[in-house]
C-alpha atoms as a PDB file:
ATOM      1  CA  UNK A   1      44.407 -36.337  -2.625  1.00  0.00           C
ATOM      2  CA  UNK A   2      41.969 -35.997  -5.517  1.00  0.00           C
ATOM      3  CA  UNK A   3      39.071 -35.817  -3.050  1.00  0.00           C
ATOM      4  CA  UNK A   4      40.834 -33.072  -1.070  1.00  0.00           C
ATOM      5  CA  UNK A   5      41.427 -31.099  -4.284  1.00  0.00           C
ATOM      6  CA  UNK A   6      37.726 -31.403  -5.246  1.00  0.00           C
ATOM      7  CA  UNK A   7      36.630 -30.248  -1.811  1.00  0.00           C
ATOM      8  CA  UNK A   8      39.107 -27.365  -1.901  1.00  0.00           C
ATOM      9  CA  UNK A   9      37.981 -26.371  -5.427  1.00  0.00           C
ATOM     10  CA  UNK A  10      34.358 -26.487  -4.312  1.00  0.00           C
ATOM     11  CA  UNK A  11      35.088 -24.323  -1.242  1.00  0.00           C
ATOM     12  CA  UNK A  12      36.977 -21.755  -3.316  1.00  0.00           C
ATOM     13  CA  UNK A  13      34.211 -21.614  -5.925  1.00  0.00           C
ATOM     14  CA  UNK A  14      31.569 -21.150  -3.230  1.00  0.00           C
ATOM     15  CA  UNK A  15      33.645 -18.425  -1.572  1.00  0.00           C
ATOM     16  CA  UNK A  16      34.113 -16.552  -4.857  1.00  0.00           C
ATOM     17  CA  UNK A  17      30.357 -16.651  -5.543  1.00  0.00           C
ATOM     18  CA  UNK A  18      29.597 -15.505  -1.991  1.00  0.00           C
ATOM     19  CA  UNK A  19      32.104 -12.640  -2.219  1.00  0.00           C
ATOM     20  CA  UNK A  20      30.693 -11.553  -5.567  1.00  0.00           C
ATOM     21  CA  UNK A  21      27.204 -11.473  -4.085  1.00  0.00           C
ATOM     22  CA  UNK A  22      28.438  -9.406  -1.137  1.00  0.00           C
ATOM     23  CA  UNK A  23      30.119  -6.886  -3.402  1.00  0.00           C
ATOM     24  CA  UNK A  24      26.899  -6.113  -5.296  1.00  0.00           C
ATOM     25  CA  UNK A  25      25.401  -2.887  -4.025  1.00  0.00           C
ATOM     26  CA  UNK A  26      21.676  -2.573  -3.306  1.00  0.00           C
ATOM     27  CA  UNK A  27      19.799  -0.300  -5.718  1.00  0.00           C
ATOM     28  CA  UNK A  28      20.679   3.332  -5.116  1.00  0.00           C
ATOM     29  CA  UNK A  29      17.810   5.457  -3.808  1.00  0.00           C
ATOM     30  CA  UNK A  30      17.727   8.727  -5.702  1.00  0.00           C
ATOM     31  CA  UNK A  31      17.281  11.824  -3.535  1.00  0.00           C
ATOM     32  CA  UNK A  32      13.785  13.265  -3.619  1.00  0.00           C
ATOM     33  CA  UNK A  33      13.590  15.969  -6.259  1.00  0.00           C
ATOM     34  CA  UNK A  34      10.991  18.722  -5.870  1.00  0.00           C
ATOM     35  CA  UNK A  35      10.411  18.390  -9.624  1.00  0.00           C
ATOM     36  CA  UNK A  36       8.425  15.239  -8.754  1.00  0.00           C
ATOM     37  CA  UNK A  37       6.008  17.191  -6.557  1.00  0.00           C
ATOM     38  CA  UNK A  38       5.873  19.964  -9.178  1.00  0.00           C
ATOM     39  CA  UNK A  39       4.811  17.352 -11.753  1.00  0.00           C
ATOM     40  CA  UNK A  40       2.065  16.231  -9.337  1.00  0.00           C
ATOM     41  CA  UNK A  41       0.816  19.815  -8.978  1.00  0.00           C
ATOM     42  CA  UNK A  42       0.958  20.350 -12.738  1.00  0.00           C
ATOM     43  CA  UNK A  43      -1.173  17.244 -13.361  1.00  0.00           C
ATOM     44  CA  UNK A  44      -3.627  18.506 -10.738  1.00  0.00           C
ATOM     45  CA  UNK A  45      -3.966  21.816 -12.592  1.00  0.00           C
ATOM     46  CA  UNK A  46      -4.438  19.954 -15.888  1.00  0.00           C
ATOM     47  CA  UNK A  47      -7.118  17.683 -14.338  1.00  0.00           C
ATOM     48  CA  UNK A  48      -5.282  14.644 -15.741  1.00  0.00           C
ATOM     49  CA  UNK A  49      -6.551  11.896 -13.454  1.00  0.00           C
ATOM     50  CA  UNK A  50      -4.926   9.137 -15.550  1.00  0.00           C
ATOM     51  CA  UNK A  51      -1.359  10.424 -15.279  1.00  0.00           C
ATOM     52  CA  UNK A  52      -2.007  11.697 -11.768  1.00  0.00           C
ATOM     53  CA  UNK A  53      -3.092   8.245 -10.579  1.00  0.00           C
ATOM     54  CA  UNK A  54       0.171   6.779 -11.914  1.00  0.00           C
ATOM     55  CA  UNK A  55       2.049   8.979  -9.438  1.00  0.00           C
ATOM     56  CA  UNK A  56       0.613   6.829  -6.599  1.00  0.00           C
ATOM     57  CA  UNK A  57       1.810   3.418  -5.420  1.00  0.00           C
ATOM     58  CA  UNK A  58      -0.481   0.474  -6.215  1.00  0.00           C
ATOM     59  CA  UNK A  59      -1.540   0.296  -2.545  1.00  0.00           C
ATOM     60  CA  UNK A  60      -1.677   4.042  -1.910  1.00  0.00           C
ATOM     61  CA  UNK A  61      -4.226   5.569   0.452  1.00  0.00           C
ATOM     62  CA  UNK A  62      -5.874   8.930  -0.018  1.00  0.00           C
ATOM     63  CA  UNK A  63      -7.504  10.473   3.064  1.00  0.00           C
ATOM     64  CA  UNK A  64      -9.654  13.437   2.039  1.00  0.00           C
ATOM     65  CA  UNK A  65     -11.724  15.364   4.599  1.00  0.00           C
ATOM     66  CA  UNK A  66     -15.260  14.201   5.385  1.00  0.00           C
ATOM     67  CA  UNK A  67     -14.828  10.971   3.393  1.00  0.00           C
ATOM     68  CA  UNK A  68     -13.691   7.406   3.980  1.00  0.00           C
ATOM     69  CA  UNK A  69     -10.167   6.341   3.063  1.00  0.00           C
ATOM     70  CA  UNK A  70      -9.729   5.779  -0.675  1.00  0.00           C
ATOM     71  CA  UNK A  71      -7.460   2.787  -1.275  1.00  0.00           C
ATOM     72  CA  UNK A  72      -5.603   1.702  -4.392  1.00  0.00           C
ATOM     73  CA  UNK A  73      -4.675   3.375  -7.634  1.00  0.00           C
ATOM     74  CA  UNK A  74      -7.971   2.707  -9.520  1.00  0.00           C
ATOM     75  CA  UNK A  75     -10.079   4.148  -6.680  1.00  0.00           C
ATOM     76  CA  UNK A  76      -7.761   7.165  -6.448  1.00  0.00           C
ATOM     77  CA  UNK A  77      -8.098   7.740 -10.184  1.00  0.00           C
ATOM     78  CA  UNK A  78     -11.909   7.690  -9.838  1.00  0.00           C
ATOM     79  CA  UNK A  79     -11.737  10.057  -6.867  1.00  0.00           C
ATOM     80  CA  UNK A  80      -9.749  12.631  -8.855  1.00  0.00           C
ATOM     81  CA  UNK A  81     -12.048  12.246 -11.852  1.00  0.00           C
ATOM     82  CA  UNK A  82     -15.077  13.060  -9.676  1.00  0.00           C
ATOM     83  CA  UNK A  83     -13.271  15.814  -7.754  1.00  0.00           C
ATOM     84  CA  UNK A  84     -12.215  17.600 -10.923  1.00  0.00           C
ATOM     85  CA  UNK A  85     -15.790  17.509 -12.230  1.00  0.00           C
ATOM     86  CA  UNK A  86     -17.380  18.798  -9.008  1.00  0.00           C
ATOM     87  CA  UNK A  87     -14.931  21.053  -7.300  1.00  0.00           C
ATOM     88  CA  UNK A  88     -13.176  22.950 -10.003  1.00  0.00           C
ATOM     89  CA  UNK A  89      -9.804  23.673  -8.444  1.00  0.00           C
ATOM     90  CA  UNK A  90      -6.936  24.698  -8.933  1.00  0.00           C
ATOM     91  CA  UNK A  91      -5.134  23.744  -5.775  1.00  0.00           C
ATOM     92  CA  UNK A  92      -1.912  25.399  -4.706  1.00  0.00           C
ATOM     93  CA  UNK A  93       0.478  23.456  -2.465  1.00  0.00           C
ATOM     94  CA  UNK A  94       3.034  25.332  -0.390  1.00  0.00           C
ATOM     95  CA  UNK A  95       5.365  22.746   1.167  1.00  0.00           C
ATOM     96  CA  UNK A  96       6.747  23.883   4.512  1.00  0.00           C
ATOM     97  CA  UNK A  97       8.615  20.820   5.734  1.00  0.00           C
ATOM     98  CA  UNK A  98      10.295  17.776   4.228  1.00  0.00           C
ATOM     99  CA  UNK A  99      11.868  14.860   6.051  1.00  0.00           C
ATOM    100  CA  UNK A 100      13.683  12.049   4.228  1.00  0.00           C
ATOM    101  CA  UNK A 101      14.202   8.621   5.786  1.00  0.00           C
ATOM    102  CA  UNK A 102      15.555   5.902   3.510  1.00  0.00           C
ATOM    103  CA  UNK A 103      13.029   5.156   0.794  1.00  0.00           C
ATOM    104  CA  UNK A 104      10.371   7.452   2.290  1.00  0.00           C
ATOM    105  CA  UNK A 105       9.918  11.223   2.189  1.00  0.00           C
ATOM    106  CA  UNK A 106       7.396  13.082   4.314  1.00  0.00           C
ATOM    107  CA  UNK A 107       6.141  16.496   3.152  1.00  0.00           C
ATOM    108  CA  UNK A 108       3.633  18.819   4.745  1.00  0.00           C
ATOM    109  CA  UNK A 109       2.440  22.316   4.189  1.00  0.00           C
ATOM    110  CA  UNK A 110      -0.409  24.656   3.407  1.00  0.00           C
ATOM    111  CA  UNK A 111      -2.860  24.234   0.551  1.00  0.00           C
ATOM    112  CA  UNK A 112      -5.236  26.661  -1.079  1.00  0.00           C
ATOM    113  CA  UNK A 113      -8.435  25.499  -2.796  1.00  0.00           C
ATOM    114  CA  UNK A 114      -9.984  27.740  -5.427  1.00  0.00           C
ATOM    115  CA  UNK A 115     -13.609  26.579  -5.799  1.00  0.00           C
ATOM    116  CA  UNK A 116     -15.766  26.993  -8.899  1.00  0.00           C
ATOM    117  CA  UNK A 117     -18.143  29.305  -7.002  1.00  0.00           C
ATOM    118  CA  UNK A 118     -15.321  31.772  -6.279  1.00  0.00           C
ATOM    119  CA  UNK A 119     -14.611  30.736  -2.671  1.00  0.00           C
ATOM    120  CA  UNK A 120     -11.058  30.203  -1.518  1.00  0.00           C
ATOM    121  CA  UNK A 121     -10.222  27.900   1.373  1.00  0.00           C
ATOM    122  CA  UNK A 122      -6.935  27.371   3.147  1.00  0.00           C
ATOM    123  CA  UNK A 123      -5.971  23.991   4.572  1.00  0.00           C
ATOM    124  CA  UNK A 124      -3.116  21.680   5.450  1.00  0.00           C
ATOM    125  CA  UNK A 125      -1.681  18.606   3.747  1.00  0.00           C
ATOM    126  CA  UNK A 126       0.633  15.695   4.501  1.00  0.00           C
ATOM    127  CA  UNK A 127       2.233  13.449   1.907  1.00  0.00           C
ATOM    128  CA  UNK A 128       4.309  10.291   2.292  1.00  0.00           C
ATOM    129  CA  UNK A 129       6.287   9.538  -0.833  1.00  0.00           C
ATOM    130  CA  UNK A 130       7.856   6.101  -1.361  1.00  0.00           C
ATOM    131  CA  UNK A 131      10.796   5.246  -3.618  1.00  0.00           C
ATOM    132  CA  UNK A 132       9.722   2.199  -5.591  1.00  0.00           C
ATOM    133  CA  UNK A 133      11.018   0.728  -8.850  1.00  0.00           C
ATOM    134  CA  UNK A 134      13.278   3.728  -9.465  1.00  0.00           C
ATOM    135  CA  UNK A 135      10.591   6.391  -8.971  1.00  0.00           C
ATOM    136  CA  UNK A 136       9.135   8.447  -6.152  1.00  0.00           C
ATOM    137  CA  UNK A 137       5.422   7.684  -5.774  1.00  0.00           C
ATOM    138  CA  UNK A 138       2.776   9.017  -3.420  1.00  0.00           C
ATOM    139  CA  UNK A 139       2.019   6.355  -0.820  1.00  0.00           C
ATOM    140  CA  UNK A 140      -0.195   8.153   1.715  1.00  0.00           C
ATOM    141  CA  UNK A 141      -1.890  11.558   1.345  1.00  0.00           C
ATOM    142  CA  UNK A 142      -4.082  13.408   3.820  1.00  0.00           C
ATOM    143  CA  UNK A 143      -5.457  16.927   3.820  1.00  0.00           C
ATOM    144  CA  UNK A 144      -8.080  19.107   5.439  1.00  0.00           C
ATOM    145  CA  UNK A 145      -9.439  22.604   5.202  1.00  0.00           C
ATOM    146  CA  UNK A 146      -9.294  25.100   8.039  1.00  0.00           C
ATOM    147  CA  UNK A 147     -12.722  26.540   7.266  1.00  0.00           C
ATOM    148  CA  UNK A 148     -15.310  24.309   8.953  1.00  0.00           C
ATOM    149  CA  UNK A 149     -18.425  23.222   7.132  1.00  0.00           C
ATOM    150  CA  UNK A 150     -21.741  24.442   8.436  1.00  0.00           C
ATOM    151  CA  UNK A 151     -22.904  22.734  11.639  1.00  0.00           C
ATOM    152  CA  UNK A 152     -25.544  20.822   9.649  1.00  0.00           C
ATOM    153  CA  UNK A 153     -22.825  19.231   7.514  1.00  0.00           C
ATOM    154  CA  UNK A 154     -20.374  18.439  10.335  1.00  0.00           C
ATOM    155  CA  UNK A 155     -20.231  14.898  11.696  1.00  0.00           C
ATOM    156  CA  UNK A 156     -21.724  14.520  15.168  1.00  0.00           C
ATOM    157  CA  UNK A 157     -19.094  14.248  17.926  1.00  0.00           C
ATOM    158  CA  UNK A 158     -18.725  10.885  19.614  1.00  0.00           C
ATOM    159  CA  UNK A 159     -20.605  10.395  22.871  1.00  0.00           C
ATOM    160  CA  UNK A 160     -18.434  10.971  25.925  1.00  0.00           C
ATOM    161  CA  UNK A 161     -17.232   7.762  27.552  1.00  0.00           C
ATOM    162  CA  UNK A 162     -19.195   6.563  30.532  1.00  0.00           C
ATOM    163  CA  UNK A 163     -17.574   7.378  33.831  1.00  0.00           C
ATOM    164  CA  UNK A 164     -16.063   4.576  35.842  1.00  0.00           C
ATOM    165  CA  UNK A 165     -17.868   4.036  39.151  1.00  0.00           C
ATOM    166  CA  UNK A 166     -15.975   5.718  41.975  1.00  0.00           C
ATOM    167  CA  UNK A 167     -14.076   8.006  39.532  1.00  0.00           C
ATOM    168  CA  UNK A 168     -14.996  11.575  38.737  1.00  0.00           C
END
């Protein structure tokens, strides 16, 4: 009898703990607020590479045109430091589309570069934001400009693949 009571007490205790664990809700993902992207743009205009780099995830990737992928927050901070010194800016971002899926938000749109030498270039951008530790952070960013560089500066196209014998 005493053994049955101990087993029953143990089963009830385990069930209560299991039910309590089931009733706990996962952390609530806050909807993406455009104020986050506005803060990003503001830091760009201020040339604040320190605060700007903190808006990226630790393993973020930045994919600028004509350059290799820049990986990780420290490398991204260095990229922005160099870019602000060389290119001038400001950059205007005009988001055209936004798609939310769980803890990710995709944004794309048109960007305008204002160069130090007075040129203006129009391009496109894509951003993947990730909700992590209660904040939206940039996880992947890619952009390009629609104005091609001179032919001397353009990468050479890849050689065409060899044809397969018997195929034309």
